[in-house]
Amino acid sequence: MTGHDYRVLSDDEKAAMQKLKDMGLELHEFLTGLEQITKTSRELSIAKTKVEEAVMWAVKHITG
């Protein structure tokens, strides 16, 4: 299997990936909401980036 080949995901894998993305989005939206009650900061920007990164790597794990 090369980097350009795709495999069919099982129903459990599809469900896990959807839950992962939903949870990542929920946390990302919560962090975005903090900007409404606190000022924006580099720390908050990094936290949001790390959530995106964590979801990306976990999805890569599931689909790998």
PDB file of N, CA and C in Angstrom:
ATOM      1  N   MET A   1       0.853  -1.179   0.000  1.00  0.00           N
ATOM      2  CA  MET A   1       0.000   0.000   0.000  1.00  0.00           C
ATOM      3  C   MET A   1       0.896   1.238   0.000  1.00  0.00           C
ATOM      4  N   THR A   2       0.705   2.101  -0.959  1.00  0.00           N
ATOM      5  CA  THR A   2       1.481   3.335  -1.022  1.00  0.00           C
ATOM      6  C   THR A   2       0.702   4.460  -0.378  1.00  0.00           C
ATOM      7  N   GLY A   3       1.293   5.611  -0.319  1.00  0.00           N
ATOM      8  CA  GLY A   3       0.637   6.763   0.288  1.00  0.00           C
ATOM      9  C   GLY A   3      -0.585   7.243  -0.467  1.00  0.00           C
ATOM     10  N   HIS A   4      -0.774   6.746  -1.690  1.00  0.00           N
ATOM     11  CA  HIS A   4      -1.912   7.193  -2.500  1.00  0.00           C
ATOM     12  C   HIS A   4      -3.025   6.166  -2.567  1.00  0.00           C
ATOM     13  N   ASP A   5      -2.834   5.038  -1.910  1.00  0.00           N
ATOM     14  CA  ASP A   5      -3.862   4.003  -1.886  1.00  0.00           C
ATOM     15  C   ASP A   5      -4.821   4.264  -0.731  1.00  0.00           C
ATOM     16  N   TYR A   6      -6.069   3.912  -0.945  1.00  0.00           N
ATOM     17  CA  TYR A   6      -7.077   4.084   0.086  1.00  0.00           C
ATOM     18  C   TYR A   6      -7.659   2.732   0.438  1.00  0.00           C
ATOM     19  N   ARG A   7      -8.072   2.584   1.685  1.00  0.00           N
ATOM     20  CA  ARG A   7      -8.736   1.350   2.081  1.00  0.00           C
ATOM     21  C   ARG A   7     -10.121   1.705   2.592  1.00  0.00           C
ATOM     22  N   VAL A   8     -10.999   0.753   2.524  1.00  0.00           N
ATOM     23  CA  VAL A   8     -12.368   0.958   2.995  1.00  0.00           C
ATOM     24  C   VAL A   8     -12.356   0.863   4.517  1.00  0.00           C
ATOM     25  N   LEU A   9     -12.950   1.855   5.158  1.00  0.00           N
ATOM     26  CA  LEU A   9     -13.017   1.853   6.617  1.00  0.00           C
ATOM     27  C   LEU A   9     -14.195   1.007   7.086  1.00  0.00           C
ATOM     28  N   SER A  10     -13.998   0.354   8.214  1.00  0.00           N
ATOM     29  CA  SER A  10     -15.098  -0.412   8.815  1.00  0.00           C
ATOM     30  C   SER A  10     -16.105   0.574   9.414  1.00  0.00           C
ATOM     31  N   ASP A  11     -17.270   0.056   9.716  1.00  0.00           N
ATOM     32  CA  ASP A  11     -18.288   0.911  10.347  1.00  0.00           C
ATOM     33  C   ASP A  11     -17.797   1.460  11.681  1.00  0.00           C
ATOM     34  N   ASP A  12     -17.079   0.636  12.446  1.00  0.00           N
ATOM     35  CA  ASP A  12     -16.538   1.099  13.728  1.00  0.00           C
ATOM     36  C   ASP A  12     -15.507   2.206  13.520  1.00  0.00           C
ATOM     37  N   GLU A  13     -14.666   2.058  12.510  1.00  0.00           N
ATOM     38  CA  GLU A  13     -13.671   3.093  12.219  1.00  0.00           C
ATOM     39  C   GLU A  13     -14.341   4.387  11.780  1.00  0.00           C
ATOM     40  N   LYS A  14     -15.368   4.262  10.942  1.00  0.00           N
ATOM     41  CA  LYS A  14     -16.115   5.455  10.503  1.00  0.00           C
ATOM     42  C   LYS A  14     -16.754   6.157  11.694  1.00  0.00           C
ATOM     43  N   ALA A  15     -17.340   5.378  12.588  1.00  0.00           N
ATOM     44  CA  ALA A  15     -17.988   5.952  13.774  1.00  0.00           C
ATOM     45  C   ALA A  15     -16.960   6.622  14.685  1.00  0.00           C
ATOM     46  N   ALA A  16     -15.808   5.970  14.862  1.00  0.00           N
ATOM     47  CA  ALA A  16     -14.759   6.541  15.709  1.00  0.00           C
ATOM     48  C   ALA A  16     -14.247   7.845  15.115  1.00  0.00           C
ATOM     49  N   MET A  17     -14.063   7.873  13.793  1.00  0.00           N
ATOM     50  CA  MET A  17     -13.568   9.083  13.152  1.00  0.00           C
ATOM     51  C   MET A  17     -14.587  10.215  13.273  1.00  0.00           C
ATOM     52  N   GLN A  18     -15.861   9.903  13.116  1.00  0.00           N
ATOM     53  CA  GLN A  18     -16.885  10.934  13.240  1.00  0.00           C
ATOM     54  C   GLN A  18     -16.941  11.478  14.665  1.00  0.00           C
ATOM     55  N   LYS A  19     -16.860  10.587  15.653  1.00  0.00           N
ATOM     56  CA  LYS A  19     -16.875  11.027  17.056  1.00  0.00           C
ATOM     57  C   LYS A  19     -15.659  11.902  17.347  1.00  0.00           C
ATOM     58  N   LEU A  20     -14.522  11.477  16.856  1.00  0.00           N
ATOM     59  CA  LEU A  20     -13.286  12.244  17.037  1.00  0.00           C
ATOM     60  C   LEU A  20     -13.422  13.646  16.462  1.00  0.00           C
ATOM     61  N   LYS A  21     -13.928  13.738  15.248  1.00  0.00           N
ATOM     62  CA  LYS A  21     -14.088  15.048  14.605  1.00  0.00           C
ATOM     63  C   LYS A  21     -15.117  15.900  15.343  1.00  0.00           C
ATOM     64  N   ASP A  22     -16.210  15.273  15.780  1.00  0.00           N
ATOM     65  CA  ASP A  22     -17.238  16.009  16.525  1.00  0.00           C
ATOM     66  C   ASP A  22     -16.682  16.557  17.839  1.00  0.00           C
ATOM     67  N   MET A  23     -15.910  15.731  18.550  1.00  0.00           N
ATOM     68  CA  MET A  23     -15.332  16.159  19.828  1.00  0.00           C
ATOM     69  C   MET A  23     -14.299  17.265  19.607  1.00  0.00           C
ATOM     70  N   GLY A  24     -13.502  17.130  18.550  1.00  0.00           N
ATOM     71  CA  GLY A  24     -12.529  18.171  18.225  1.00  0.00           C
ATOM     72  C   GLY A  24     -13.211  19.482  17.905  1.00  0.00           C
ATOM     73  N   LEU A  25     -14.299  19.405  17.131  1.00  0.00           N
ATOM     74  CA  LEU A  25     -15.043  20.616  16.780  1.00  0.00           C
ATOM     75  C   LEU A  25     -15.661  21.253  18.019  1.00  0.00           C
ATOM     76  N   GLU A  26     -16.192  20.431  18.913  1.00  0.00           N
ATOM     77  CA  GLU A  26     -16.792  20.960  20.143  1.00  0.00           C
ATOM     78  C   GLU A  26     -15.756  21.720  20.977  1.00  0.00           C
ATOM     79  N   LEU A  27     -14.583  21.136  21.145  1.00  0.00           N
ATOM     80  CA  LEU A  27     -13.540  21.809  21.912  1.00  0.00           C
ATOM     81  C   LEU A  27     -13.069  23.073  21.195  1.00  0.00           C
ATOM     82  N   HIS A  28     -12.892  22.993  19.887  1.00  0.00           N
ATOM     83  CA  HIS A  28     -12.440  24.156  19.114  1.00  0.00           C
ATOM     84  C   HIS A  28     -13.453  25.292  19.241  1.00  0.00           C
ATOM     85  N   GLU A  29     -14.739  24.965  19.135  1.00  0.00           N
ATOM     86  CA  GLU A  29     -15.783  25.986  19.272  1.00  0.00           C
ATOM     87  C   GLU A  29     -15.807  26.569  20.677  1.00  0.00           C
ATOM     88  N   PHE A  30     -15.575  25.744  21.695  1.00  0.00           N
ATOM     89  CA  PHE A  30     -15.511  26.249  23.066  1.00  0.00           C
ATOM     90  C   PHE A  30     -14.371  27.245  23.210  1.00  0.00           C
ATOM     91  N   LEU A  31     -13.211  26.884  22.675  1.00  0.00           N
ATOM     92  CA  LEU A  31     -12.059  27.788  22.753  1.00  0.00           C
ATOM     93  C   LEU A  31     -12.330  29.081  21.996  1.00  0.00           C
ATOM     94  N   THR A  32     -12.989  28.984  20.858  1.00  0.00           N
ATOM     95  CA  THR A  32     -13.356  30.186  20.105  1.00  0.00           C
ATOM     96  C   THR A  32     -14.307  31.052  20.929  1.00  0.00           C
ATOM     97  N   GLY A  33     -15.218  30.416  21.643  1.00  0.00           N
ATOM     98  CA  GLY A  33     -16.153  31.149  22.497  1.00  0.00           C
ATOM     99  C   GLY A  33     -15.455  31.883  23.626  1.00  0.00           C
ATOM    100  N   LEU A  34     -14.323  31.363  24.083  1.00  0.00           N
ATOM    101  CA  LEU A  34     -13.566  32.060  25.130  1.00  0.00           C
ATOM    102  C   LEU A  34     -13.118  33.433  24.666  1.00  0.00           C
ATOM    103  N   GLU A  35     -12.925  33.581  23.366  1.00  0.00           N
ATOM    104  CA  GLU A  35     -12.516  34.885  22.836  1.00  0.00           C
ATOM    105  C   GLU A  35     -13.599  35.942  23.047  1.00  0.00           C
ATOM    106  N   GLN A  36     -14.843  35.503  23.238  1.00  0.00           N
ATOM    107  CA  GLN A  36     -15.946  36.438  23.469  1.00  0.00           C
ATOM    108  C   GLN A  36     -15.951  36.970  24.906  1.00  0.00           C
ATOM    109  N   ILE A  37     -15.397  36.167  25.845  1.00  0.00           N
ATOM    110  CA  ILE A  37     -15.424  36.591  27.244  1.00  0.00           C
ATOM    111  C   ILE A  37     -14.048  36.982  27.769  1.00  0.00           C
ATOM    112  N   THR A  38     -13.015  36.614  27.037  1.00  0.00           N
ATOM    113  CA  THR A  38     -11.659  37.023  27.396  1.00  0.00           C
ATOM    114  C   THR A  38     -11.006  37.572  26.137  1.00  0.00           C
ATOM    115  N   LYS A  39      -9.907  38.217  26.305  1.00  0.00           N
ATOM    116  CA  LYS A  39      -9.230  38.705  25.115  1.00  0.00           C
ATOM    117  C   LYS A  39      -8.551  37.543  24.397  1.00  0.00           C
ATOM    118  N   THR A  40      -8.307  37.732  23.133  1.00  0.00           N
ATOM    119  CA  THR A  40      -7.573  36.721  22.353  1.00  0.00           C
ATOM    120  C   THR A  40      -6.120  36.734  22.804  1.00  0.00           C
ATOM    121  N   SER A  41      -5.488  35.575  22.710  1.00  0.00           N
ATOM    122  CA  SER A  41      -4.091  35.491  23.131  1.00  0.00           C
ATOM    123  C   SER A  41      -3.348  34.479  22.265  1.00  0.00           C
ATOM    124  N   ARG A  42      -2.058  34.557  22.337  1.00  0.00           N
ATOM    125  CA  ARG A  42      -1.230  33.584  21.630  1.00  0.00           C
ATOM    126  C   ARG A  42      -1.495  32.187  22.177  1.00  0.00           C
ATOM    127  N   GLU A  43      -1.671  32.091  23.495  1.00  0.00           N
ATOM    128  CA  GLU A  43      -1.924  30.805  24.127  1.00  0.00           C
ATOM    129  C   GLU A  43      -3.212  30.169  23.597  1.00  0.00           C
ATOM    130  N   LEU A  44      -4.252  30.975  23.438  1.00  0.00           N
ATOM    131  CA  LEU A  44      -5.522  30.465  22.925  1.00  0.00           C
ATOM    132  C   LEU A  44      -5.374  30.033  21.467  1.00  0.00           C
ATOM    133  N   SER A  45      -4.649  30.799  20.699  1.00  0.00           N
ATOM    134  CA  SER A  45      -4.401  30.424  19.301  1.00  0.00           C
ATOM    135  C   SER A  45      -3.642  29.105  19.223  1.00  0.00           C
ATOM    136  N   ILE A  46      -2.652  28.936  20.084  1.00  0.00           N
ATOM    137  CA  ILE A  46      -1.886  27.685  20.107  1.00  0.00           C
ATOM    138  C   ILE A  46      -2.789  26.524  20.518  1.00  0.00           C
ATOM    139  N   ALA A  47      -3.634  26.735  21.509  1.00  0.00           N
ATOM    140  CA  ALA A  47      -4.545  25.681  21.971  1.00  0.00           C
ATOM    141  C   ALA A  47      -5.452  25.227  20.829  1.00  0.00           C
ATOM    142  N   LYS A  48      -5.989  26.176  20.070  1.00  0.00           N
ATOM    143  CA  LYS A  48      -6.859  25.830  18.941  1.00  0.00           C
ATOM    144  C   LYS A  48      -6.079  25.065  17.870  1.00  0.00           C
ATOM    145  N   THR A  49      -4.865  25.489  17.602  1.00  0.00           N
ATOM    146  CA  THR A  49      -4.028  24.800  16.620  1.00  0.00           C
ATOM    147  C   THR A  49      -3.729  23.382  17.072  1.00  0.00           C
ATOM    148  N   LYS A  50      -3.473  23.204  18.364  1.00  0.00           N
ATOM    149  CA  LYS A  50      -3.162  21.870  18.890  1.00  0.00           C
ATOM    150  C   LYS A  50      -4.373  20.941  18.810  1.00  0.00           C
ATOM    151  N   VAL A  51      -5.573  21.475  18.990  1.00  0.00           N
ATOM    152  CA  VAL A  51      -6.781  20.662  18.836  1.00  0.00           C
ATOM    153  C   VAL A  51      -6.868  20.181  17.387  1.00  0.00           C
ATOM    154  N   GLU A  52      -6.663  21.091  16.450  1.00  0.00           N
ATOM    155  CA  GLU A  52      -6.699  20.734  15.031  1.00  0.00           C
ATOM    156  C   GLU A  52      -5.649  19.671  14.724  1.00  0.00           C
ATOM    157  N   GLU A  53      -4.473  19.847  15.281  1.00  0.00           N
ATOM    158  CA  GLU A  53      -3.378  18.912  15.057  1.00  0.00           C
ATOM    159  C   GLU A  53      -3.700  17.538  15.655  1.00  0.00           C
ATOM    160  N   ALA A  54      -4.254  17.525  16.848  1.00  0.00           N
ATOM    161  CA  ALA A  54      -4.596  16.259  17.501  1.00  0.00           C
ATOM    162  C   ALA A  54      -5.629  15.484  16.685  1.00  0.00           C
ATOM    163  N   VAL A  55      -6.638  16.178  16.185  1.00  0.00           N
ATOM    164  CA  VAL A  55      -7.654  15.516  15.364  1.00  0.00           C
ATOM    165  C   VAL A  55      -7.012  14.978  14.090  1.00  0.00           C
ATOM    166  N   MET A  56      -6.162  15.763  13.461  1.00  0.00           N
ATOM    167  CA  MET A  56      -5.501  15.342  12.234  1.00  0.00           C
ATOM    168  C   MET A  56      -4.714  14.048  12.455  1.00  0.00           C
ATOM    169  N   TRP A  57      -3.904  14.003  13.512  1.00  0.00           N
ATOM    170  CA  TRP A  57      -3.078  12.816  13.767  1.00  0.00           C
ATOM    171  C   TRP A  57      -3.926  11.611  14.133  1.00  0.00           C
ATOM    172  N   ALA A  58      -4.987  11.820  14.880  1.00  0.00           N
ATOM    173  CA  ALA A  58      -5.852  10.700  15.260  1.00  0.00           C
ATOM    174  C   ALA A  58      -6.585  10.153  14.042  1.00  0.00           C
ATOM    175  N   VAL A  59      -7.029  11.034  13.147  1.00  0.00           N
ATOM    176  CA  VAL A  59      -7.667  10.587  11.909  1.00  0.00           C
ATOM    177  C   VAL A  59      -6.655   9.806  11.065  1.00  0.00           C
ATOM    178  N   LYS A  60      -5.433  10.297  11.009  1.00  0.00           N
ATOM    179  CA  LYS A  60      -4.370   9.595  10.265  1.00  0.00           C
ATOM    180  C   LYS A  60      -4.164   8.200  10.845  1.00  0.00           C
ATOM    181  N   HIS A  61      -4.223   8.083  12.150  1.00  0.00           N
ATOM    182  CA  HIS A  61      -4.089   6.772  12.802  1.00  0.00           C
ATOM    183  C   HIS A  61      -5.221   5.842  12.355  1.00  0.00           C
ATOM    184  N   ILE A  62      -6.450   6.338  12.400  1.00  0.00           N
ATOM    185  CA  ILE A  62      -7.603   5.512  12.055  1.00  0.00           C
ATOM    186  C   ILE A  62      -7.552   5.082  10.592  1.00  0.00           C
ATOM    187  N   THR A  63      -7.183   5.993   9.720  1.00  0.00           N
ATOM    188  CA  THR A  63      -7.207   5.702   8.281  1.00  0.00           C
ATOM    189  C   THR A  63      -5.926   5.058   7.786  1.00  0.00           C
ATOM    190  N   GLY A  64      -4.896   5.004   8.627  1.00  0.00           N
ATOM    191  CA  GLY A  64      -3.586   4.476   8.201  1.00  0.00           C
ATOM    192  C   GLY A  64      -3.527   2.981   8.083  1.00  0.00           C
TER     193      GLY A  64
END
